[in-house]
Each structure stands twice: as structure tokens, then as C-alpha cells.
Amino acid sequence: MLEEEIGFKVLNFFRGIIESRNRGIPKGITSICSYNSFVIESVMELSKRSSCPLLIESTCNQVNQYGGYTGLTPHAFLNQIIEIASKVNFPKDRIIYGGDHLGPFPFREEPADVAMEKAEEMVRAYVTAGAKKLHLDTSMPLGEENIKNKLPIEIIAERCARLCQVAEKTFTKINQSRNPDLLYVIGTDVPPPGGSDEVEEGIKPTSIEDFKETVETTRYYFKRFGLEEAWERVIAVVIQPGVEYGDHTVIEYNRKNTEQLKKALNDYSDLIFEGHSTDYQTEKSLKEMVEDGIAILKVGPHLTFTLRETLFMLDLIETEIFRKMGCDEEATNLINIIETHMLSNPQHWKSQYDGTENEIRFKIKYSFFDRVRYYLTNQEIKDAINRLLENLERFTIPLSLYSQYLPIQYKKIREGTLKADPYEIIRDRIGDVLKTYFRATGYRIC
């Protein structure tokens, strides 16, 4: 999917954000890090009521040249985004596609030369598909590199420049005489793709020294690789602003912890910060982050967590309706189907959850880490979700059940601002989360 089909000028947009910060006007953008079709559709429906472009990013382990855990290549994922856009009549030229943590992370157990070759091929696949915002992440030791602490910044920066060079050459090859419109994000002071349980041990914000060293060393290696012009399109540095979430806890943003980082950013008038793991933060915290230069806010698990919550509540509503009507057919029992499948197939949560059997059964359903999202593409679960929603569309759901299980949506239904429809309710609840991000980044919802 090339620029003829997605023509939004991302460079001008992000430079506008940077210029606004330099003038003391906080602006930002929300990065949607989810491949879930319910989430993407909900985002598009909401974005139609805003002037903000839609930034959708996939991580290296979600989507890559081998399919990732979603089974999608970058081209296939972008085609899926375009199909949803056509379905909901969302303008394609307002979509920005990005790649997150692009680098050797999925191949880190392999020898360094093999892992980097595969990382290069991943970058080619993303650029060829039409990705315009690339977060290059080469921070992890590879194969035989038995390094107890962090990988030396010189190695990280050199590998980062190597991937940038591949991206530039690929773009030039497929776009001939066009000027590159690729934007880059550097920096890696965040948990690995998929999340971390580090919240239990406490989170330290990025130090000024690490931030400046990242910028200066990476700039040096870009110059060594002849990438001076590409460096002008490095728009952001990923930092850890001191936010994170665990199974049942959230570390709120404390702007006092980033006061010095904010001052340090003033020395780099062409950069902004990118914040990962901003899920579950309050609107006040999100707004403060944008004010403090963290202008790109990534959100993903909070959106699918809300989807899971809504599906569970709709499942309970269906059970009550079937019980009331004395139906001969069985209710879907989606909650049990998901729990049973996850317990039988632990590959996506076993590294995250520990404890007794009962504690694990609780975590796989209700943890903020939201490992349920990895299972929503399973065909049995997809069929169960479709059956649940079709059943609920066949019956008139009593208002009292909306009040019991979905009180906020009940109020909207009573006020006539929301249709009493299960699909609309899913989109509305996800939309309520997204509105906090839109408002925090400076966009009104009409």
C-alpha cells in the first residue's frame, strides 16, 4: 500500500507538533497499537468526528515478514486496515501506518548476524507495505552476546543506523525520484514488546544522561552511515516517563519525576518524546505528559482490555436472558470458552503469570496485562463472539440488564445518544477510552 493510496504527509504533521511545542502550545497524537478489528473500527468511527489523523502501529512480534503471532505480514495488516476503513467510510488519506520496536527482538535467540539480517528484511517489508513511521529498536543482546546489563550504546546505535539505511534504500527503490517521507523514532528505555512485570519492582524514569547519550551516539552513527538527511527526519526519542501497569496496579504519571528531562528536551528543538505503556493512565496524567513533551502516546492493551470487559458483560447479559426465557438452546458462555482455551494453550501468558491455580485463572481473565488479546483471533473464540452478538441482536435486552452490567451505556441509551445494539455498545466503550487520549493530545470530538 503505497503513497498513491495513503497520501497523508506525515512529515509535515509531526513537524507541526514539534513546532507547536517550541511555541509553548502542547499538541500530540495517539498511537493505536492494536490489530483487533473491533478496536480499529471503533477508533475509525471516533476519528471521523475529529480532525486528527489516525496513527496505527504494529509491533515486530505482532506483525512481521513471517506473520508474527497474528499471522499477518505488514502488507496483509495494512490491507486489513484499509478494508475496515472502506467498511466504515473512513478517509484512507488520514491513516498513518507505523512499525513499533522494529529490529531483531523476535530473532534475539539466533546469532547476531542472522538476527540482524532478519531484522533488515522486516524493515524492508514494513517500508514496502507503506509504513511511514518507524521505531527502530536494536537494544537487545543477540544470540551469543551474553551481556548481563544493557547492550553498549555504540552497538545499539550502529545497528539502528544499519536498519535506517535499509529503510532509506528500500523507500528510494520503490518510489524512484520521490523525496523520502519516512520518519524515525529512536530510543529503547521501555519494556520489551508485549509488556513487562517490572511494575512490581518499581519504575525509574529515563535519566537525562541516557537520553542525551542516545541522541548523540545515534546521530554520530547516522552520520557514519551517510544518513545525515535521514537524521533530519528523526522526530522522537522513546523514554520511560515513569508509567507502567501490572496485573492489578497502575503507576500514575508524576511529572515531578520528569522535570529535568523536560528541560533537557529544550536543547533539542527538533525532537519530541514518545511514551509507551501509557495504558490505564488518567486523562489528567495523559494531558500532563503531552504538556511535558511526551507528544506521542501509545495505547493498546487498555483498548482490548475494555473490549474484553464489554464482551464479558454482554455474555452475562445473554445468560440472564436465556435463563429468563427458558431457552432450549444453550447460552454462548464466552467467558468459559476463553478461560478453557487459554488454560489449554498457555504460550501467550505463561511468561507473565505465576501463582496458584486459582490466582492464574483470575489473572488470565482480569489482569491489566490483558493476555486475552492474543487469543481473540482463535477461530473457536471468534465463532463464540459472533454467536454471542447474534444472539443478543435477536432479543430485546431489558433496560434493567443494561443498568446492571453497563450503567454508563444505559444512561446514554436512556438519553437517546446511543443505540441499544451490542456492536454499538462495544464501539462506545472503546471510544470512551480513546476520547481521553484525543482530548489529552489537543483534539476535540464533535
Protein backbone atom coordinates (compact mmCIF):
# COMPACT_ATOMS: atom_id res chain seq x y z
CA MET A 1 0.00 0.00 0.00
CA LEU A 2 1.94 2.97 -1.28
CA GLU A 3 1.53 6.73 -1.13
CA GLU A 4 -0.96 6.89 -4.03
CA GLU A 5 -3.46 5.16 -1.74
CA ILE A 6 -2.36 6.61 1.59
CA GLY A 7 -1.15 10.10 0.89
CA PHE A 8 -1.06 11.82 4.27
CA LYS A 9 2.10 13.92 4.62
CA VAL A 10 3.34 12.59 7.92
CA LEU A 11 6.49 14.70 7.93
CA ASN A 12 4.57 17.98 7.86
CA PHE A 13 2.17 16.77 10.55
CA PHE A 14 4.83 15.73 13.05
CA ARG A 15 6.92 18.80 12.39
CA GLY A 16 3.80 20.78 13.19
CA ILE A 17 3.60 19.04 16.58
CA ILE A 18 7.27 19.86 17.24
CA GLU A 19 6.83 23.49 16.21
CA SER A 20 3.78 23.81 18.48
CA ARG A 21 5.82 22.54 21.43
CA ASN A 22 8.55 25.06 20.67
CA ARG A 23 5.91 27.80 20.80
CA GLY A 24 4.63 26.54 24.14
CA ILE A 25 1.44 25.02 22.70
CA PRO A 26 1.17 21.35 23.72
CA LYS A 27 -0.06 19.09 20.92
CA GLY A 28 0.31 15.40 20.34
CA ILE A 29 -1.08 12.27 18.74
CA THR A 30 -2.34 8.92 19.96
CA SER A 31 -0.71 5.80 18.55
CA ILE A 32 -3.12 2.87 18.34
CA CYS A 33 -1.12 -0.30 18.95
CA SER A 34 -3.70 -2.98 18.25
CA TYR A 35 -4.53 -5.31 15.40
CA ASN A 36 -8.00 -6.12 16.75
CA SER A 37 -10.72 -5.34 14.21
CA PHE A 38 -13.23 -4.22 16.89
CA VAL A 39 -10.66 -1.74 18.19
CA ILE A 40 -9.64 -0.42 14.77
CA GLU A 41 -13.27 0.02 13.72
CA SER A 42 -14.06 1.83 16.97
CA VAL A 43 -11.06 4.12 16.52
CA MET A 44 -12.09 4.97 12.97
CA GLU A 45 -15.67 5.73 13.95
CA LEU A 46 -14.42 8.11 16.63
CA SER A 47 -11.69 9.63 14.47
CA LYS A 48 -14.26 10.63 11.85
CA ARG A 49 -15.52 13.14 14.43
CA SER A 50 -12.09 14.69 14.86
CA SER A 51 -9.57 16.47 12.64
CA CYS A 52 -6.75 14.27 13.94
CA PRO A 53 -5.06 11.77 11.60
CA LEU A 54 -5.19 8.14 12.64
CA LEU A 55 -1.86 6.57 13.62
CA ILE A 56 -1.96 2.77 13.78
CA GLU A 57 1.19 0.83 14.64
CA SER A 58 2.07 -2.84 14.88
CA THR A 59 4.97 -4.31 16.83
CA CYS A 60 7.70 -6.55 15.48
CA ASN A 61 6.30 -9.63 17.20
CA GLN A 62 2.68 -8.92 16.21
CA VAL A 63 3.34 -8.37 12.52
CA ASN A 64 6.47 -9.23 10.57
CA GLN A 65 7.64 -10.89 7.35
CA TYR A 66 6.84 -14.30 8.86
CA GLY A 67 3.38 -13.30 10.09
CA GLY A 68 4.17 -12.76 13.78
CA TYR A 69 1.72 -14.05 16.34
CA THR A 70 -1.18 -12.52 14.37
CA GLY A 71 -0.31 -14.41 11.21
CA LEU A 72 -0.16 -11.06 9.37
CA THR A 73 2.64 -9.59 7.29
CA PRO A 74 2.89 -5.77 7.21
CA HIS A 75 1.20 -5.72 3.80
CA ALA A 76 -1.63 -8.00 4.96
CA PHE A 77 -2.16 -5.96 8.12
CA LEU A 78 -2.36 -2.69 6.20
CA ASN A 79 -4.81 -4.28 3.77
CA GLN A 80 -6.93 -5.24 6.78
CA ILE A 81 -6.83 -1.63 7.99
CA ILE A 82 -7.89 -0.39 4.54
CA GLU A 83 -10.75 -2.90 4.38
CA ILE A 84 -12.08 -1.67 7.72
CA ALA A 85 -11.70 1.94 6.57
CA SER A 86 -13.79 1.16 3.48
CA LYS A 87 -16.41 -0.56 5.63
CA VAL A 88 -16.88 2.43 7.96
CA ASN A 89 -16.23 5.09 5.30
CA PHE A 90 -13.08 6.43 6.96
CA PRO A 91 -10.85 8.53 4.66
CA LYS A 92 -7.77 6.49 3.79
CA ASP A 93 -5.60 9.57 3.32
CA ARG A 94 -5.85 10.27 7.06
CA ILE A 95 -4.21 6.97 8.01
CA ILE A 96 -0.58 6.78 9.12
CA TYR A 97 0.84 3.27 9.39
CA GLY A 98 3.83 2.73 11.66
CA GLY A 99 6.09 -0.05 12.88
CA ASP A 100 7.00 -0.34 16.56
CA HIS A 101 10.17 -1.90 18.03
CA LEU A 102 11.36 -2.81 14.53
CA GLY A 103 14.56 -4.75 14.97
CA PRO A 104 15.88 -8.16 15.93
CA PHE A 105 13.72 -8.74 19.03
CA PRO A 106 11.73 -11.71 17.57
CA PHE A 107 15.01 -13.33 16.46
CA ARG A 108 17.15 -12.47 19.51
CA GLU A 109 17.94 -16.13 20.31
CA GLU A 110 19.69 -16.52 16.95
CA PRO A 111 23.31 -15.49 16.17
CA ALA A 112 23.70 -11.73 15.84
CA ASP A 113 24.40 -11.74 12.08
CA VAL A 114 21.33 -13.90 11.38
CA ALA A 115 19.09 -11.88 13.70
CA MET A 116 20.12 -8.60 12.09
CA GLU A 117 19.62 -9.94 8.56
CA LYS A 118 16.08 -10.92 9.53
CA ALA A 119 15.56 -7.53 11.16
CA GLU A 120 16.63 -5.87 7.90
CA GLU A 121 14.14 -7.97 5.98
CA MET A 122 11.43 -6.94 8.45
CA VAL A 123 12.20 -3.27 7.87
CA ARG A 124 12.05 -3.81 4.09
CA ALA A 125 8.65 -5.46 4.48
CA TYR A 126 7.27 -2.57 6.54
CA VAL A 127 8.57 0.12 4.17
CA THR A 128 7.38 -1.77 1.10
CA ALA A 129 3.92 -2.12 2.64
CA GLY A 130 3.69 1.63 3.20
CA ALA A 131 4.78 2.23 6.79
CA LYS A 132 5.92 5.83 7.25
CA LYS A 133 6.80 5.99 10.97
CA LEU A 134 9.44 3.53 12.10
CA HIS A 135 10.56 2.99 15.68
CA LEU A 136 13.95 1.30 15.32
CA ASP A 137 14.81 -0.83 18.36
CA THR A 138 18.12 -2.69 18.48
CA SER A 139 18.60 -2.62 22.24
CA MET A 140 18.61 -6.34 22.98
CA PRO A 141 21.61 -8.74 23.15
CA LEU A 142 21.54 -11.32 20.38
CA GLY A 143 22.46 -14.99 20.33
CA GLU A 144 25.91 -15.42 21.77
CA GLU A 145 26.04 -11.91 23.28
CA ASN A 146 25.81 -12.83 26.94
CA ILE A 147 25.59 -9.33 28.38
CA LYS A 148 24.25 -9.10 31.92
CA ASN A 149 23.33 -5.42 31.85
CA LYS A 150 22.36 -3.19 28.93
CA LEU A 151 23.88 -3.62 25.49
CA PRO A 152 26.55 -0.93 24.89
CA ILE A 153 25.03 2.18 23.33
CA GLU A 154 27.58 2.09 20.49
CA ILE A 155 26.32 -1.32 19.34
CA ILE A 156 22.69 -0.23 19.67
CA ALA A 157 23.30 2.95 17.68
CA GLU A 158 25.30 1.26 14.93
CA ARG A 159 22.61 -1.40 14.42
CA CYS A 160 19.94 1.29 14.47
CA ALA A 161 21.76 3.19 11.70
CA ARG A 162 22.12 -0.04 9.73
CA LEU A 163 18.33 -0.58 9.80
CA CYS A 164 17.71 3.04 8.87
CA GLN A 165 19.98 2.62 5.84
CA VAL A 166 17.93 -0.38 4.73
CA ALA A 167 14.70 1.60 5.12
CA GLU A 168 16.05 4.54 3.10
CA LYS A 169 17.32 2.33 0.27
CA THR A 170 14.05 0.40 0.16
CA PHE A 171 11.95 3.56 0.01
CA THR A 172 14.12 5.05 -2.74
CA LYS A 173 13.93 1.85 -4.77
CA ILE A 174 10.14 1.60 -4.72
CA ASN A 175 9.44 5.33 -5.02
CA GLN A 176 12.11 6.28 -7.58
CA SER A 177 12.54 10.08 -7.64
CA ARG A 178 10.34 10.93 -4.65
CA ASN A 179 11.80 12.51 -1.56
CA PRO A 180 11.69 10.09 1.37
CA ASP A 181 8.77 10.68 3.69
CA LEU A 182 9.94 8.17 6.29
CA LEU A 183 10.04 9.28 9.90
CA TYR A 184 12.13 7.63 12.58
CA VAL A 185 11.83 7.17 16.32
CA ILE A 186 14.86 6.05 18.32
CA GLY A 187 15.38 5.09 21.93
CA THR A 188 14.50 1.94 23.81
CA ASP A 189 14.09 2.76 27.50
CA VAL A 190 10.83 0.82 27.76
CA PRO A 191 9.69 -2.74 28.50
CA PRO A 192 10.05 -5.23 25.62
CA PRO A 193 7.18 -5.70 23.15
CA GLY A 194 4.28 -7.44 24.86
CA GLY A 195 4.76 -5.90 28.30
CA SER A 196 6.76 -6.44 31.45
CA ASP A 197 6.10 -7.24 35.11
CA GLU A 198 8.73 -4.72 36.19
CA VAL A 199 5.98 -2.62 37.77
CA GLU A 200 6.12 -4.87 40.79
CA GLU A 201 9.73 -3.77 41.33
CA GLY A 202 9.25 -0.08 40.57
CA ILE A 203 9.91 2.01 37.51
CA LYS A 204 12.70 4.53 37.06
CA PRO A 205 12.24 7.34 34.53
CA THR A 206 14.88 7.74 31.84
CA SER A 207 17.88 9.71 33.07
CA ILE A 208 19.00 12.89 31.31
CA GLU A 209 22.38 11.26 30.70
CA ASP A 210 20.83 8.23 28.96
CA PHE A 211 18.55 10.43 26.87
CA LYS A 212 21.38 12.67 25.64
CA GLU A 213 23.73 9.74 25.09
CA THR A 214 21.09 8.01 22.97
CA VAL A 215 20.59 11.08 20.81
CA GLU A 216 24.23 11.99 20.36
CA THR A 217 25.55 8.47 19.78
CA THR A 218 22.79 7.61 17.32
CA ARG A 219 23.38 10.88 15.48
CA TYR A 220 27.07 10.01 15.22
CA TYR A 221 26.38 6.61 13.66
CA PHE A 222 23.77 8.00 11.27
CA LYS A 223 26.50 10.37 10.02
CA ARG A 224 28.98 7.49 9.70
CA PHE A 225 26.44 5.62 7.55
CA GLY A 226 25.85 8.69 5.36
CA LEU A 227 22.38 9.23 6.79
CA GLU A 228 22.58 12.94 7.61
CA GLU A 229 19.41 13.67 5.64
CA ALA A 230 17.57 10.80 7.31
CA TRP A 231 18.61 12.17 10.71
CA GLU A 232 16.59 15.30 9.90
CA ARG A 233 13.56 13.00 9.92
CA VAL A 234 14.23 11.54 13.37
CA ILE A 235 11.28 13.10 15.17
CA ALA A 236 11.13 11.43 18.57
CA VAL A 237 13.01 9.56 21.28
CA VAL A 238 11.33 6.84 23.31
CA ILE A 239 11.71 7.45 27.02
CA GLN A 240 10.40 5.85 30.19
CA PRO A 241 8.38 8.64 31.88
CA GLY A 242 7.81 6.53 34.98
CA VAL A 243 4.48 4.96 33.99
CA GLU A 244 3.63 1.29 33.89
CA TYR A 245 0.97 -1.20 34.86
CA GLY A 246 0.99 -4.64 36.44
CA ASP A 247 -1.62 -7.33 36.93
CA HIS A 248 -3.85 -5.17 39.11
CA THR A 249 -1.86 -1.99 39.71
CA VAL A 250 -1.10 1.17 37.73
CA ILE A 251 1.81 3.54 38.31
CA GLU A 252 0.45 7.01 37.59
CA TYR A 253 2.47 9.66 35.84
CA ASN A 254 4.25 12.01 38.24
CA ARG A 255 5.52 15.00 36.33
CA LYS A 256 7.96 15.89 39.11
CA ASN A 257 9.98 12.84 38.06
CA THR A 258 10.45 14.18 34.54
CA GLU A 259 11.12 17.86 35.24
CA GLN A 260 14.79 17.55 34.29
CA LEU A 261 14.00 15.51 31.20
CA LYS A 262 11.58 18.21 30.07
CA LYS A 263 14.33 20.81 30.46
CA ALA A 264 16.80 18.59 28.57
CA LEU A 265 14.36 18.36 25.66
CA ASN A 266 14.67 22.13 25.25
CA ASP A 267 18.21 21.50 23.97
CA TYR A 268 16.72 19.54 21.05
CA SER A 269 14.20 21.78 19.31
CA ASP A 270 13.65 19.22 16.53
CA LEU A 271 12.57 16.35 18.80
CA ILE A 272 9.68 15.22 20.98
CA PHE A 273 9.33 12.30 23.36
CA GLU A 274 7.38 9.11 22.66
CA GLY A 275 5.72 7.40 25.63
CA HIS A 276 4.99 3.67 25.69
CA SER A 277 2.79 1.80 28.18
CA THR A 278 0.55 4.83 28.73
CA ASP A 279 -2.41 2.44 29.06
CA TYR A 280 -4.75 2.96 32.04
CA GLN A 281 -3.41 6.45 32.78
CA THR A 282 -5.99 9.07 33.77
CA GLU A 283 -6.88 11.87 31.38
CA LYS A 284 -5.16 14.33 33.72
CA SER A 285 -1.93 12.32 33.58
CA LEU A 286 -2.10 11.97 29.80
CA LYS A 287 -2.61 15.71 29.41
CA GLU A 288 0.37 16.44 31.68
CA MET A 289 2.53 14.05 29.67
CA VAL A 290 1.73 15.92 26.45
CA GLU A 291 2.43 19.24 28.18
CA ASP A 292 5.82 17.85 29.24
CA GLY A 293 6.85 16.96 25.69
CA ILE A 294 5.67 13.33 25.60
CA ALA A 295 3.67 14.06 22.48
CA ILE A 296 3.22 10.53 21.11
CA LEU A 297 1.08 8.42 23.44
CA LYS A 298 0.91 4.72 22.69
CA VAL A 299 -2.12 2.72 23.79
CA GLY A 300 -3.10 -0.87 23.06
CA PRO A 301 -3.83 -3.26 25.95
CA HIS A 302 -6.25 -0.77 27.56
CA LEU A 303 -8.37 -0.90 24.39
CA THR A 304 -8.55 -4.69 24.17
CA PHE A 305 -8.96 -4.86 27.96
CA THR A 306 -12.08 -2.71 27.53
CA LEU A 307 -13.23 -4.91 24.65
CA ARG A 308 -12.80 -7.99 26.87
CA GLU A 309 -14.70 -6.30 29.72
CA THR A 310 -17.58 -5.48 27.39
CA LEU A 311 -17.75 -8.96 25.89
CA PHE A 312 -17.78 -10.50 29.38
CA MET A 313 -20.64 -8.22 30.45
CA LEU A 314 -22.59 -8.99 27.29
CA ASP A 315 -22.01 -12.70 27.98
CA LEU A 316 -23.54 -12.29 31.46
CA ILE A 317 -26.48 -10.41 29.95
CA GLU A 318 -27.05 -13.22 27.44
CA THR A 319 -27.01 -15.81 30.24
CA GLU A 320 -29.67 -13.89 32.16
CA ILE A 321 -31.85 -13.51 29.05
CA PHE A 322 -31.65 -17.21 28.25
CA ARG A 323 -32.46 -18.07 31.85
CA LYS A 324 -35.45 -15.71 31.87
CA MET A 325 -36.84 -17.10 28.64
CA GLY A 326 -36.16 -20.73 29.48
CA CYS A 327 -34.50 -21.23 26.10
CA ASP A 328 -33.90 -24.76 24.91
CA GLU A 329 -30.62 -23.71 23.28
CA GLU A 330 -27.56 -23.07 25.39
CA ALA A 331 -26.12 -19.65 26.05
CA THR A 332 -22.73 -18.97 24.47
CA ASN A 333 -20.80 -18.95 27.76
CA LEU A 334 -17.98 -16.98 26.15
CA ILE A 335 -16.17 -16.41 29.44
CA ASN A 336 -15.78 -20.14 29.99
CA ILE A 337 -14.71 -20.75 26.37
CA ILE A 338 -11.95 -18.14 26.63
CA GLU A 339 -10.75 -19.37 30.02
CA THR A 340 -10.67 -23.02 28.90
CA HIS A 341 -8.79 -22.21 25.71
CA MET A 342 -6.22 -20.05 27.50
CA LEU A 343 -5.55 -22.68 30.15
CA SER A 344 -5.08 -25.32 27.44
CA ASN A 345 -2.81 -23.06 25.36
CA PRO A 346 -0.59 -21.11 27.79
CA GLN A 347 2.08 -19.96 25.33
CA HIS A 348 0.91 -16.32 25.36
CA TRP A 349 0.67 -15.90 29.14
CA LYS A 350 2.93 -18.42 30.88
CA SER A 351 5.87 -15.98 30.98
CA GLN A 352 3.66 -13.26 32.50
CA TYR A 353 1.56 -15.00 35.14
CA ASP A 354 2.52 -17.12 38.09
CA GLY A 355 0.89 -18.16 41.37
CA THR A 356 -1.58 -20.79 42.48
CA GLU A 357 -4.03 -22.36 40.04
CA ASN A 358 -6.79 -20.05 41.25
CA GLU A 359 -4.57 -16.98 41.03
CA ILE A 360 -3.62 -17.83 37.45
CA ARG A 361 -7.24 -18.44 36.47
CA PHE A 362 -8.04 -14.98 37.83
CA LYS A 363 -5.11 -13.29 36.10
CA ILE A 364 -5.70 -14.72 32.65
CA LYS A 365 -9.14 -13.12 32.66
CA TYR A 366 -8.70 -9.89 34.59
CA SER A 367 -5.04 -8.81 34.57
CA PHE A 368 -4.24 -5.37 33.17
CA PHE A 369 -1.62 -7.13 31.04
CA ASP A 370 -4.61 -8.35 29.02
CA ARG A 371 -3.15 -11.51 27.56
CA VAL A 372 -6.70 -12.33 26.38
CA ARG A 373 -5.96 -10.15 23.34
CA TYR A 374 -3.58 -12.79 21.99
CA TYR A 375 -6.43 -15.31 21.81
CA LEU A 376 -9.16 -13.26 20.16
CA THR A 377 -8.03 -14.43 16.71
CA ASN A 378 -8.61 -18.08 17.62
CA GLN A 379 -11.40 -19.39 15.40
CA GLU A 380 -13.37 -21.06 18.20
CA ILE A 381 -13.32 -17.83 20.21
CA LYS A 382 -14.19 -15.73 17.15
CA ASP A 383 -17.14 -18.01 16.42
CA ALA A 384 -18.29 -17.73 20.04
CA ILE A 385 -18.10 -13.90 19.94
CA ASN A 386 -20.12 -13.83 16.72
CA ARG A 387 -22.69 -16.23 18.19
CA LEU A 388 -23.00 -14.12 21.34
CA LEU A 389 -23.56 -10.90 19.42
CA GLU A 390 -26.01 -12.54 17.00
CA ASN A 391 -27.99 -13.95 19.94
CA LEU A 392 -28.18 -10.55 21.61
CA GLU A 393 -29.39 -8.96 18.39
CA ARG A 394 -32.27 -11.49 18.26
CA PHE A 395 -33.63 -10.44 21.63
CA THR A 396 -34.66 -7.17 23.19
CA ILE A 397 -32.26 -6.67 26.08
CA PRO A 398 -34.18 -5.37 29.11
CA LEU A 399 -33.09 -1.90 30.19
CA SER A 400 -32.63 -3.23 33.69
CA LEU A 401 -29.82 -5.50 32.45
CA TYR A 402 -28.12 -2.58 30.72
CA SER A 403 -28.38 -0.73 34.03
CA GLN A 404 -26.99 -3.72 35.93
CA TYR A 405 -23.99 -4.52 33.71
CA LEU A 406 -23.38 -1.43 31.57
CA PRO A 407 -24.59 1.56 33.61
CA ILE A 408 -22.79 4.25 31.59
CA GLN A 409 -24.17 2.91 28.32
CA TYR A 410 -27.60 2.52 29.98
CA LYS A 411 -27.56 6.25 30.69
CA LYS A 412 -26.65 7.04 27.09
CA ILE A 413 -29.39 4.73 25.78
CA ARG A 414 -31.94 6.46 28.00
CA GLU A 415 -30.76 9.87 26.78
CA GLY A 416 -31.03 8.77 23.16
CA THR A 417 -27.32 9.25 22.35
CA LEU A 418 -26.54 5.53 21.97
CA LYS A 419 -28.37 2.80 20.10
CA ALA A 420 -29.25 -0.27 22.17
CA ASP A 421 -27.17 -2.58 19.99
CA PRO A 422 -24.30 -4.83 21.16
CA TYR A 423 -21.93 -3.70 18.39
CA GLU A 424 -22.63 -0.03 19.13
CA ILE A 425 -22.05 -0.65 22.84
CA ILE A 426 -18.65 -2.24 22.15
CA ARG A 427 -17.62 0.71 19.98
CA ASP A 428 -18.92 3.18 22.56
CA ARG A 429 -16.99 1.70 25.48
CA ILE A 430 -13.74 1.55 23.49
CA GLY A 431 -14.48 5.07 22.29
CA ASP A 432 -14.78 6.33 25.86
CA VAL A 433 -11.18 5.23 26.48
CA LEU A 434 -9.98 6.80 23.25
CA LYS A 435 -11.66 10.14 23.98
CA THR A 436 -9.34 10.66 26.96
CA TYR A 437 -6.35 10.34 24.62
CA PHE A 438 -7.83 12.58 21.95
CA ARG A 439 -8.58 15.31 24.45
CA ALA A 440 -5.17 14.98 26.10
CA THR A 441 -3.41 15.40 22.74
CA GLY A 442 -5.41 18.52 21.92
CA TYR A 443 -8.23 17.29 19.65
CA ARG A 444 -11.94 17.85 20.10
CA ILE A 445 -14.53 15.21 19.31
CA CYS A 446 -17.52 16.70 17.50
